[in-house]
Amino acid sequence: MPNKESAIGVFDSGIGGLTVLQKIIETLPKENTVYLGDTARAPYGTKSVETVLRYSFENTEFLVQKGVKAVVVACNTSTAIALTRLRDSLSIPVIGVIEPGVRRAIKGTKNNKVGVIGTEATIQSGAYTRALKEADAGVEVYSRACPLFVPLVEEGWTDNDVVEMTVKAYLGSLKQSGIDTLILGCTHYPLLKKVIRKFMGSNVRLVDSAEETAKEVESALKQGVLTRKNSKAIHSFFVTDAPDRFIKVGRRFLGEKVESAVRIER
């Protein structure tokens, strides 16, 4: 059974979830964490609903076997498709990345025009639109799938001519829509924040749900399972493929905290 000294479990289809893990570590520096990046089967954004459900449950099962006290679904696609079912199947807190981002967007918009960018599966699921409308029925939602963003980030291409051209191609219509808030609906996208902000202009607020998700994790653990230890936190990393590449790219997110990564079989 998990206890106060158990780790927080975090999973993502690859490396993007490290943006969420980074904020969790900043918010809860004493907490141990276990991160699983399903790098062998990424990206999830182009997979079927059935496949994303299966992968999400397998990832969660791995973390539960590690004895975690909470599971953070640091993948927008998995959150959109699997979060409700995961919550129904587990007795520990399960936190996704959509609801926190939506709350921040609704709080921040002045003209009630909110844009959402994400993977094909996330956008097609309609999860963001539903959540935004539930939070404020009067909000206008403009969504756009940006499937090439994830491979660009995974390749380490976050600020060059190719990225600028891709951002322009995907976000041109959103720029014309009059939105004042744009939700980065994929945990990889914050790494493209500089180029996206430059293209969209300073009048458009970018919402990265990682910070809000970390606050939600803190709130969930305050129900009695916050750690009491004062020793240095331990951060463990597991991947399903290419640990060396994960370490190299992961250090762009977390620096030297990504010392090693263990490959597990799928």
C-alpha atoms as a PDB file:
ATOM      1  CA  MET A   1       0.000   0.000   0.000  1.00  0.00           C
ATOM      2  CA  PRO A   2       1.271   3.504  -0.817  1.00  0.00           C
ATOM      3  CA  ASN A   3       2.295   5.705   2.114  1.00  0.00           C
ATOM      4  CA  LYS A   4       3.582   9.248   2.675  1.00  0.00           C
ATOM      5  CA  GLU A   5       7.080   8.301   1.539  1.00  0.00           C
ATOM      6  CA  SER A   6       5.857   6.638  -1.669  1.00  0.00           C
ATOM      7  CA  ALA A   7       6.695   8.356  -4.954  1.00  0.00           C
ATOM      8  CA  ILE A   8       4.481  10.357  -7.298  1.00  0.00           C
ATOM      9  CA  GLY A   9       4.085   8.445 -10.568  1.00  0.00           C
ATOM     10  CA  VAL A  10       4.109  10.343 -13.866  1.00  0.00           C
ATOM     11  CA  PHE A  11       3.695   8.936 -17.380  1.00  0.00           C
ATOM     12  CA  ASP A  12       3.748  10.335 -20.889  1.00  0.00           C
ATOM     13  CA  SER A  13       4.020   8.965 -24.403  1.00  0.00           C
ATOM     14  CA  GLY A  14       7.605  10.226 -24.508  1.00  0.00           C
ATOM     15  CA  ILE A  15       9.583  13.164 -23.178  1.00  0.00           C
ATOM     16  CA  GLY A  16       6.981  15.953 -23.208  1.00  0.00           C
ATOM     17  CA  GLY A  17       5.691  14.997 -19.779  1.00  0.00           C
ATOM     18  CA  LEU A  18       8.986  16.174 -18.342  1.00  0.00           C
ATOM     19  CA  THR A  19       7.559  19.717 -18.588  1.00  0.00           C
ATOM     20  CA  VAL A  20       4.942  18.585 -16.048  1.00  0.00           C
ATOM     21  CA  LEU A  21       7.470  16.699 -13.921  1.00  0.00           C
ATOM     22  CA  GLN A  22       9.679  19.804 -13.792  1.00  0.00           C
ATOM     23  CA  LYS A  23       6.842  21.848 -12.255  1.00  0.00           C
ATOM     24  CA  ILE A  24       5.962  19.042  -9.823  1.00  0.00           C
ATOM     25  CA  ILE A  25       9.578  18.944  -8.610  1.00  0.00           C
ATOM     26  CA  GLU A  26       9.620  22.750  -8.240  1.00  0.00           C
ATOM     27  CA  THR A  27       6.321  22.736  -6.330  1.00  0.00           C
ATOM     28  CA  LEU A  28       7.033  19.631  -4.202  1.00  0.00           C
ATOM     29  CA  PRO A  29      10.849  19.416  -3.922  1.00  0.00           C
ATOM     30  CA  LYS A  30      10.817  16.789  -1.134  1.00  0.00           C
ATOM     31  CA  GLU A  31       8.711  14.273  -3.050  1.00  0.00           C
ATOM     32  CA  ASN A  32      10.192  11.232  -4.777  1.00  0.00           C
ATOM     33  CA  THR A  33       9.018  10.705  -8.360  1.00  0.00           C
ATOM     34  CA  VAL A  34       8.887   7.856 -10.864  1.00  0.00           C
ATOM     35  CA  TYR A  35       8.611   8.867 -14.528  1.00  0.00           C
ATOM     36  CA  LEU A  36       7.701   6.525 -17.379  1.00  0.00           C
ATOM     37  CA  GLY A  37       8.168   7.676 -20.961  1.00  0.00           C
ATOM     38  CA  ASP A  38       6.639   5.260 -23.476  1.00  0.00           C
ATOM     39  CA  THR A  39       9.208   6.248 -26.082  1.00  0.00           C
ATOM     40  CA  ALA A  40       8.873   3.020 -28.093  1.00  0.00           C
ATOM     41  CA  ARG A  41       5.224   3.713 -28.896  1.00  0.00           C
ATOM     42  CA  ALA A  42       5.183   7.517 -29.157  1.00  0.00           C
ATOM     43  CA  PRO A  43       3.466   9.536 -30.415  1.00  0.00           C
ATOM     44  CA  TYR A  44       0.018   8.732 -29.024  1.00  0.00           C
ATOM     45  CA  GLY A  45      -1.664  11.579 -30.888  1.00  0.00           C
ATOM     46  CA  THR A  46      -2.122   9.625 -34.113  1.00  0.00           C
ATOM     47  CA  LYS A  47      -3.256   6.357 -32.484  1.00  0.00           C
ATOM     48  CA  SER A  48      -6.819   5.011 -32.168  1.00  0.00           C
ATOM     49  CA  VAL A  49      -8.897   5.452 -29.014  1.00  0.00           C
ATOM     50  CA  GLU A  50      -8.597   1.733 -28.202  1.00  0.00           C
ATOM     51  CA  THR A  51      -4.806   1.812 -28.521  1.00  0.00           C
ATOM     52  CA  VAL A  52      -4.405   4.926 -26.362  1.00  0.00           C
ATOM     53  CA  LEU A  53      -6.633   3.342 -23.697  1.00  0.00           C
ATOM     54  CA  ARG A  54      -4.546   0.159 -23.675  1.00  0.00           C
ATOM     55  CA  TYR A  55      -1.230   2.036 -23.513  1.00  0.00           C
ATOM     56  CA  SER A  56      -2.530   4.315 -20.723  1.00  0.00           C
ATOM     57  CA  PHE A  57      -3.638   1.380 -18.585  1.00  0.00           C
ATOM     58  CA  GLU A  58      -0.344  -0.461 -19.145  1.00  0.00           C
ATOM     59  CA  ASN A  59       1.650   2.627 -18.137  1.00  0.00           C
ATOM     60  CA  THR A  60      -0.508   3.145 -15.060  1.00  0.00           C
ATOM     61  CA  GLU A  61      -0.131  -0.520 -14.066  1.00  0.00           C
ATOM     62  CA  PHE A  62       3.661  -0.170 -14.223  1.00  0.00           C
ATOM     63  CA  LEU A  63       3.582   2.865 -11.910  1.00  0.00           C
ATOM     64  CA  VAL A  64       1.169   1.203  -9.489  1.00  0.00           C
ATOM     65  CA  GLN A  65       3.519  -1.781  -9.293  1.00  0.00           C
ATOM     66  CA  LYS A  66       6.204   0.703  -8.235  1.00  0.00           C
ATOM     67  CA  GLY A  67       3.990   1.594  -5.268  1.00  0.00           C
ATOM     68  CA  VAL A  68       3.212   5.202  -6.220  1.00  0.00           C
ATOM     69  CA  LYS A  69       0.758   7.239  -4.119  1.00  0.00           C
ATOM     70  CA  ALA A  70      -0.640   9.227  -7.067  1.00  0.00           C
ATOM     71  CA  VAL A  71      -0.588   8.955 -10.856  1.00  0.00           C
ATOM     72  CA  VAL A  72      -0.137  12.025 -13.052  1.00  0.00           C
ATOM     73  CA  VAL A  73      -1.242  11.504 -16.651  1.00  0.00           C
ATOM     74  CA  ALA A  74       1.231  13.971 -18.183  1.00  0.00           C
ATOM     75  CA  CYS A  75      -0.077  13.400 -21.691  1.00  0.00           C
ATOM     76  CA  ASN A  76      -2.973  15.362 -23.125  1.00  0.00           C
ATOM     77  CA  THR A  77      -3.995  12.525 -25.455  1.00  0.00           C
ATOM     78  CA  SER A  78      -4.142   9.992 -22.612  1.00  0.00           C
ATOM     79  CA  THR A  79      -5.919  12.526 -20.395  1.00  0.00           C
ATOM     80  CA  ALA A  80      -8.526  13.193 -23.089  1.00  0.00           C
ATOM     81  CA  ILE A  81      -9.194   9.522 -23.760  1.00  0.00           C
ATOM     82  CA  ALA A  82      -8.368   7.537 -20.611  1.00  0.00           C
ATOM     83  CA  LEU A  83      -8.531   9.757 -17.501  1.00  0.00           C
ATOM     84  CA  THR A  84     -12.104   8.949 -16.424  1.00  0.00           C
ATOM     85  CA  ARG A  85     -11.582   5.201 -16.759  1.00  0.00           C
ATOM     86  CA  LEU A  86      -8.257   5.327 -14.948  1.00  0.00           C
ATOM     87  CA  ARG A  87      -9.868   7.204 -12.056  1.00  0.00           C
ATOM     88  CA  ASP A  88     -12.651   4.623 -11.901  1.00  0.00           C
ATOM     89  CA  SER A  89     -10.132   1.780 -11.690  1.00  0.00           C
ATOM     90  CA  LEU A  90      -7.750   3.157  -9.030  1.00  0.00           C
ATOM     91  CA  SER A  91      -8.067   4.058  -5.350  1.00  0.00           C
ATOM     92  CA  ILE A  92      -5.187   6.581  -5.453  1.00  0.00           C
ATOM     93  CA  PRO A  93      -5.485  10.103  -6.951  1.00  0.00           C
ATOM     94  CA  VAL A  94      -5.216  10.275 -10.754  1.00  0.00           C
ATOM     95  CA  ILE A  95      -4.525  13.761 -12.104  1.00  0.00           C
ATOM     96  CA  GLY A  96      -4.686  14.801 -15.754  1.00  0.00           C
ATOM     97  CA  VAL A  97      -3.444  17.886 -17.570  1.00  0.00           C
ATOM     98  CA  ILE A  98      -6.610  19.148 -19.284  1.00  0.00           C
ATOM     99  CA  GLU A  99      -8.740  20.450 -16.385  1.00  0.00           C
ATOM    100  CA  PRO A 100      -5.910  22.533 -14.833  1.00  0.00           C
ATOM    101  CA  GLY A 101      -5.124  24.178 -18.193  1.00  0.00           C
ATOM    102  CA  VAL A 102      -8.799  24.924 -18.846  1.00  0.00           C
ATOM    103  CA  ARG A 103      -9.218  26.604 -15.449  1.00  0.00           C
ATOM    104  CA  ARG A 104      -6.245  28.839 -16.109  1.00  0.00           C
ATOM    105  CA  ALA A 105      -7.471  29.754 -19.607  1.00  0.00           C
ATOM    106  CA  ILE A 106     -10.978  30.670 -18.400  1.00  0.00           C
ATOM    107  CA  LYS A 107      -9.489  32.754 -15.608  1.00  0.00           C
ATOM    108  CA  GLY A 108      -7.153  34.557 -18.016  1.00  0.00           C
ATOM    109  CA  THR A 109      -9.265  35.294 -21.096  1.00  0.00           C
ATOM    110  CA  LYS A 110     -10.697  38.800 -21.418  1.00  0.00           C
ATOM    111  CA  ASN A 111     -12.701  38.408 -24.632  1.00  0.00           C
ATOM    112  CA  ASN A 112     -13.884  34.793 -24.118  1.00  0.00           C
ATOM    113  CA  LYS A 113     -12.104  33.581 -27.260  1.00  0.00           C
ATOM    114  CA  VAL A 114      -9.812  30.682 -26.447  1.00  0.00           C
ATOM    115  CA  GLY A 115      -7.662  28.664 -28.851  1.00  0.00           C
ATOM    116  CA  VAL A 116      -6.496  25.095 -28.277  1.00  0.00           C
ATOM    117  CA  ILE A 117      -3.693  23.330 -30.102  1.00  0.00           C
ATOM    118  CA  GLY A 118      -2.909  19.637 -29.632  1.00  0.00           C
ATOM    119  CA  THR A 119      -2.400  16.283 -31.285  1.00  0.00           C
ATOM    120  CA  GLU A 120      -4.979  14.904 -33.704  1.00  0.00           C
ATOM    121  CA  ALA A 121      -6.369  12.502 -31.069  1.00  0.00           C
ATOM    122  CA  THR A 122      -6.673  15.228 -28.416  1.00  0.00           C
ATOM    123  CA  ILE A 123      -8.444  17.659 -30.746  1.00  0.00           C
ATOM    124  CA  GLN A 124     -10.720  14.972 -32.245  1.00  0.00           C
ATOM    125  CA  SER A 125     -11.727  13.825 -28.755  1.00  0.00           C
ATOM    126  CA  GLY A 126     -13.305  17.232 -28.110  1.00  0.00           C
ATOM    127  CA  ALA A 127     -12.129  17.024 -24.486  1.00  0.00           C
ATOM    128  CA  TYR A 128     -10.867  20.604 -24.332  1.00  0.00           C
ATOM    129  CA  THR A 129     -13.964  22.056 -25.977  1.00  0.00           C
ATOM    130  CA  ARG A 130     -16.237  20.160 -23.567  1.00  0.00           C
ATOM    131  CA  ALA A 131     -14.201  21.197 -20.531  1.00  0.00           C
ATOM    132  CA  LEU A 132     -14.072  24.847 -21.632  1.00  0.00           C
ATOM    133  CA  LYS A 133     -17.823  24.945 -22.315  1.00  0.00           C
ATOM    134  CA  GLU A 134     -18.542  23.326 -18.934  1.00  0.00           C
ATOM    135  CA  ALA A 135     -16.431  25.993 -17.251  1.00  0.00           C
ATOM    136  CA  ASP A 136     -18.057  28.837 -19.206  1.00  0.00           C
ATOM    137  CA  ALA A 137     -20.887  28.169 -21.672  1.00  0.00           C
ATOM    138  CA  GLY A 138     -20.237  31.519 -23.370  1.00  0.00           C
ATOM    139  CA  VAL A 139     -16.628  30.847 -24.357  1.00  0.00           C
ATOM    140  CA  GLU A 140     -15.748  30.601 -28.067  1.00  0.00           C
ATOM    141  CA  VAL A 141     -13.316  27.746 -28.720  1.00  0.00           C
ATOM    142  CA  TYR A 142     -11.014  27.561 -31.737  1.00  0.00           C
ATOM    143  CA  SER A 143      -9.052  24.311 -31.977  1.00  0.00           C
ATOM    144  CA  ARG A 144      -6.290  23.131 -34.280  1.00  0.00           C
ATOM    145  CA  ALA A 145      -4.397  19.847 -34.530  1.00  0.00           C
ATOM    146  CA  CYS A 146      -0.626  20.323 -34.959  1.00  0.00           C
ATOM    147  CA  PRO A 147       0.730  16.780 -35.535  1.00  0.00           C
ATOM    148  CA  LEU A 148       4.226  17.832 -36.629  1.00  0.00           C
ATOM    149  CA  PHE A 149       5.019  19.700 -33.403  1.00  0.00           C
ATOM    150  CA  VAL A 150       5.769  16.559 -31.368  1.00  0.00           C
ATOM    151  CA  PRO A 151       8.320  15.045 -33.768  1.00  0.00           C
ATOM    152  CA  LEU A 152      10.015  18.447 -34.088  1.00  0.00           C
ATOM    153  CA  VAL A 153      10.436  18.670 -30.307  1.00  0.00           C
ATOM    154  CA  GLU A 154      11.539  15.036 -30.027  1.00  0.00           C
ATOM    155  CA  GLU A 155      14.171  15.789 -32.674  1.00  0.00           C
ATOM    156  CA  GLY A 156      15.368  18.746 -30.631  1.00  0.00           C
ATOM    157  CA  TRP A 157      14.200  21.256 -33.244  1.00  0.00           C
ATOM    158  CA  THR A 158      12.575  24.002 -31.183  1.00  0.00           C
ATOM    159  CA  ASP A 159      13.803  27.244 -32.740  1.00  0.00           C
ATOM    160  CA  ASN A 160      14.804  27.236 -36.400  1.00  0.00           C
ATOM    161  CA  ASP A 161      13.382  28.101 -39.839  1.00  0.00           C
ATOM    162  CA  VAL A 162      11.553  24.763 -40.163  1.00  0.00           C
ATOM    163  CA  VAL A 163       9.808  25.298 -36.811  1.00  0.00           C
ATOM    164  CA  GLU A 164       8.853  28.870 -37.728  1.00  0.00           C
ATOM    165  CA  MET A 165       7.361  27.726 -41.062  1.00  0.00           C
ATOM    166  CA  THR A 166       5.423  24.912 -39.354  1.00  0.00           C
ATOM    167  CA  VAL A 167       4.051  27.237 -36.675  1.00  0.00           C
ATOM    168  CA  LYS A 168       2.961  29.705 -39.346  1.00  0.00           C
ATOM    169  CA  ALA A 169       1.233  26.958 -41.363  1.00  0.00           C
ATOM    170  CA  TYR A 170      -0.675  25.566 -38.383  1.00  0.00           C
ATOM    171  CA  LEU A 171      -1.494  28.734 -36.463  1.00  0.00           C
ATOM    172  CA  GLY A 172      -2.239  31.211 -39.269  1.00  0.00           C
ATOM    173  CA  SER A 173      -6.024  30.795 -39.002  1.00  0.00           C
ATOM    174  CA  LEU A 174      -5.925  30.936 -35.182  1.00  0.00           C
ATOM    175  CA  LYS A 175      -4.063  34.220 -35.352  1.00  0.00           C
ATOM    176  CA  GLN A 176      -6.875  35.668 -37.489  1.00  0.00           C
ATOM    177  CA  SER A 177      -9.623  34.414 -35.150  1.00  0.00           C
ATOM    178  CA  GLY A 178      -9.127  37.077 -32.483  1.00  0.00           C
ATOM    179  CA  ILE A 179      -8.312  34.722 -29.608  1.00  0.00           C
ATOM    180  CA  ASP A 180      -6.574  36.298 -26.618  1.00  0.00           C
ATOM    181  CA  THR A 181      -5.647  32.980 -24.954  1.00  0.00           C
ATOM    182  CA  LEU A 182      -4.049  29.868 -26.454  1.00  0.00           C
ATOM    183  CA  ILE A 183      -3.871  26.564 -24.592  1.00  0.00           C
ATOM    184  CA  LEU A 184      -0.772  24.526 -25.427  1.00  0.00           C
ATOM    185  CA  GLY A 185      -2.689  21.253 -25.350  1.00  0.00           C
ATOM    186  CA  CYS A 186       0.288  18.925 -25.510  1.00  0.00           C
ATOM    187  CA  THR A 187       3.106  18.661 -22.989  1.00  0.00           C
ATOM    188  CA  HIS A 188       5.704  18.886 -25.775  1.00  0.00           C
ATOM    189  CA  TYR A 189       4.480  22.274 -26.957  1.00  0.00           C
ATOM    190  CA  PRO A 190       5.962  24.457 -24.177  1.00  0.00           C
ATOM    191  CA  LEU A 191       9.346  23.829 -25.772  1.00  0.00           C
ATOM    192  CA  LEU A 192       8.037  25.690 -28.829  1.00  0.00           C
ATOM    193  CA  LYS A 193       6.701  28.548 -26.693  1.00  0.00           C
ATOM    194  CA  LYS A 194       9.272  31.072 -27.921  1.00  0.00           C
ATOM    195  CA  VAL A 195       8.404  30.583 -31.611  1.00  0.00           C
ATOM    196  CA  ILE A 196       4.647  30.344 -30.946  1.00  0.00           C
ATOM    197  CA  ARG A 197       4.697  33.556 -28.860  1.00  0.00           C
ATOM    198  CA  LYS A 198       6.679  35.365 -31.552  1.00  0.00           C
ATOM    199  CA  PHE A 199       4.140  34.350 -34.227  1.00  0.00           C
ATOM    200  CA  MET A 200       0.943  34.899 -32.215  1.00  0.00           C
ATOM    201  CA  GLY A 201       2.069  38.205 -30.719  1.00  0.00           C
ATOM    202  CA  SER A 202       2.202  39.583 -27.195  1.00  0.00           C
ATOM    203  CA  ASN A 203      -1.595  40.089 -27.014  1.00  0.00           C
ATOM    204  CA  VAL A 204      -2.189  36.326 -26.885  1.00  0.00           C
ATOM    205  CA  ARG A 205      -1.619  34.649 -23.512  1.00  0.00           C
ATOM    206  CA  LEU A 206      -0.105  31.150 -23.779  1.00  0.00           C
ATOM    207  CA  VAL A 207      -1.397  28.625 -21.255  1.00  0.00           C
ATOM    208  CA  ASP A 208       0.956  25.799 -20.296  1.00  0.00           C
ATOM    209  CA  SER A 209      -0.960  23.446 -18.023  1.00  0.00           C
ATOM    210  CA  ALA A 210       2.161  22.055 -16.279  1.00  0.00           C
ATOM    211  CA  GLU A 211       2.183  24.661 -13.500  1.00  0.00           C
ATOM    212  CA  GLU A 212      -1.534  24.282 -12.754  1.00  0.00           C
ATOM    213  CA  THR A 213      -1.218  20.485 -12.841  1.00  0.00           C
ATOM    214  CA  ALA A 214       1.556  20.630 -10.228  1.00  0.00           C
ATOM    215  CA  LYS A 215      -0.711  22.710  -7.956  1.00  0.00           C
ATOM    216  CA  GLU A 216      -3.438  20.088  -8.349  1.00  0.00           C
ATOM    217  CA  VAL A 217      -0.992  17.325  -7.408  1.00  0.00           C
ATOM    218  CA  GLU A 218      -0.036  19.300  -4.297  1.00  0.00           C
ATOM    219  CA  SER A 219      -3.703  19.742  -3.390  1.00  0.00           C
ATOM    220  CA  ALA A 220      -4.377  16.008  -3.807  1.00  0.00           C
ATOM    221  CA  LEU A 221      -1.416  15.031  -1.615  1.00  0.00           C
ATOM    222  CA  LYS A 222      -2.447  17.494   1.099  1.00  0.00           C
ATOM    223  CA  GLN A 223      -5.317  15.105   1.827  1.00  0.00           C
ATOM    224  CA  GLY A 224      -2.874  13.253   4.059  1.00  0.00           C
ATOM    225  CA  VAL A 225      -0.013  11.838   1.969  1.00  0.00           C
ATOM    226  CA  LEU A 226       2.487  14.701   1.653  1.00  0.00           C
ATOM    227  CA  THR A 227       5.966  13.427   2.539  1.00  0.00           C
ATOM    228  CA  ARG A 228       7.503  14.333   5.892  1.00  0.00           C
ATOM    229  CA  LYS A 229      11.066  13.365   5.061  1.00  0.00           C
ATOM    230  CA  ASN A 230      13.871  15.899   4.821  1.00  0.00           C
ATOM    231  CA  SER A 231      16.290  13.765   2.816  1.00  0.00           C
ATOM    232  CA  LYS A 232      17.037  14.490  -0.834  1.00  0.00           C
ATOM    233  CA  ALA A 233      14.273  13.454  -3.205  1.00  0.00           C
ATOM    234  CA  ILE A 234      14.909  10.541  -5.568  1.00  0.00           C
ATOM    235  CA  HIS A 235      13.807  10.861  -9.202  1.00  0.00           C
ATOM    236  CA  SER A 236      13.682   7.623 -11.227  1.00  0.00           C
ATOM    237  CA  PHE A 237      13.221   7.456 -14.992  1.00  0.00           C
ATOM    238  CA  PHE A 238      12.005   4.538 -17.087  1.00  0.00           C
ATOM    239  CA  VAL A 239      11.559   4.350 -20.857  1.00  0.00           C
ATOM    240  CA  THR A 240      10.410   1.732 -23.339  1.00  0.00           C
ATOM    241  CA  ASP A 241      13.109   2.555 -25.904  1.00  0.00           C
ATOM    242  CA  ALA A 242      16.352   4.500 -26.480  1.00  0.00           C
ATOM    243  CA  PRO A 243      17.365   5.519 -22.914  1.00  0.00           C
ATOM    244  CA  ASP A 244      20.491   7.360 -24.128  1.00  0.00           C
ATOM    245  CA  ARG A 245      18.411   9.617 -26.355  1.00  0.00           C
ATOM    246  CA  PHE A 246      15.908  10.173 -23.546  1.00  0.00           C
ATOM    247  CA  ILE A 247      18.698  11.277 -21.202  1.00  0.00           C
ATOM    248  CA  LYS A 248      20.126  13.651 -23.817  1.00  0.00           C
ATOM    249  CA  VAL A 249      16.772  15.277 -24.624  1.00  0.00           C
ATOM    250  CA  GLY A 250      15.528  15.039 -21.020  1.00  0.00           C
ATOM    251  CA  ARG A 251      18.367  17.218 -19.795  1.00  0.00           C
ATOM    252  CA  ARG A 252      16.926  20.087 -21.843  1.00  0.00           C
ATOM    253  CA  PHE A 253      13.963  19.924 -19.458  1.00  0.00           C
ATOM    254  CA  LEU A 254      15.460  18.923 -16.115  1.00  0.00           C
ATOM    255  CA  GLY A 255      19.218  19.366 -16.325  1.00  0.00           C
ATOM    256  CA  GLU A 256      21.360  16.976 -14.310  1.00  0.00           C
ATOM    257  CA  LYS A 257      18.335  15.452 -12.537  1.00  0.00           C
ATOM    258  CA  VAL A 258      18.112  13.086 -15.510  1.00  0.00           C
ATOM    259  CA  GLU A 259      21.190  11.050 -14.557  1.00  0.00           C
ATOM    260  CA  SER A 260      20.041   7.746 -16.026  1.00  0.00           C
ATOM    261  CA  ALA A 261      17.020   5.983 -17.476  1.00  0.00           C
ATOM    262  CA  VAL A 262      16.154   2.290 -17.286  1.00  0.00           C
ATOM    263  CA  ARG A 263      14.688   0.611 -20.352  1.00  0.00           C
ATOM    264  CA  ILE A 264      11.738  -1.694 -19.698  1.00  0.00           C
ATOM    265  CA  GLU A 265      10.293  -4.258 -22.108  1.00  0.00           C
ATOM    266  CA  ARG A 266       6.878  -3.782 -23.670  1.00  0.00           C
END
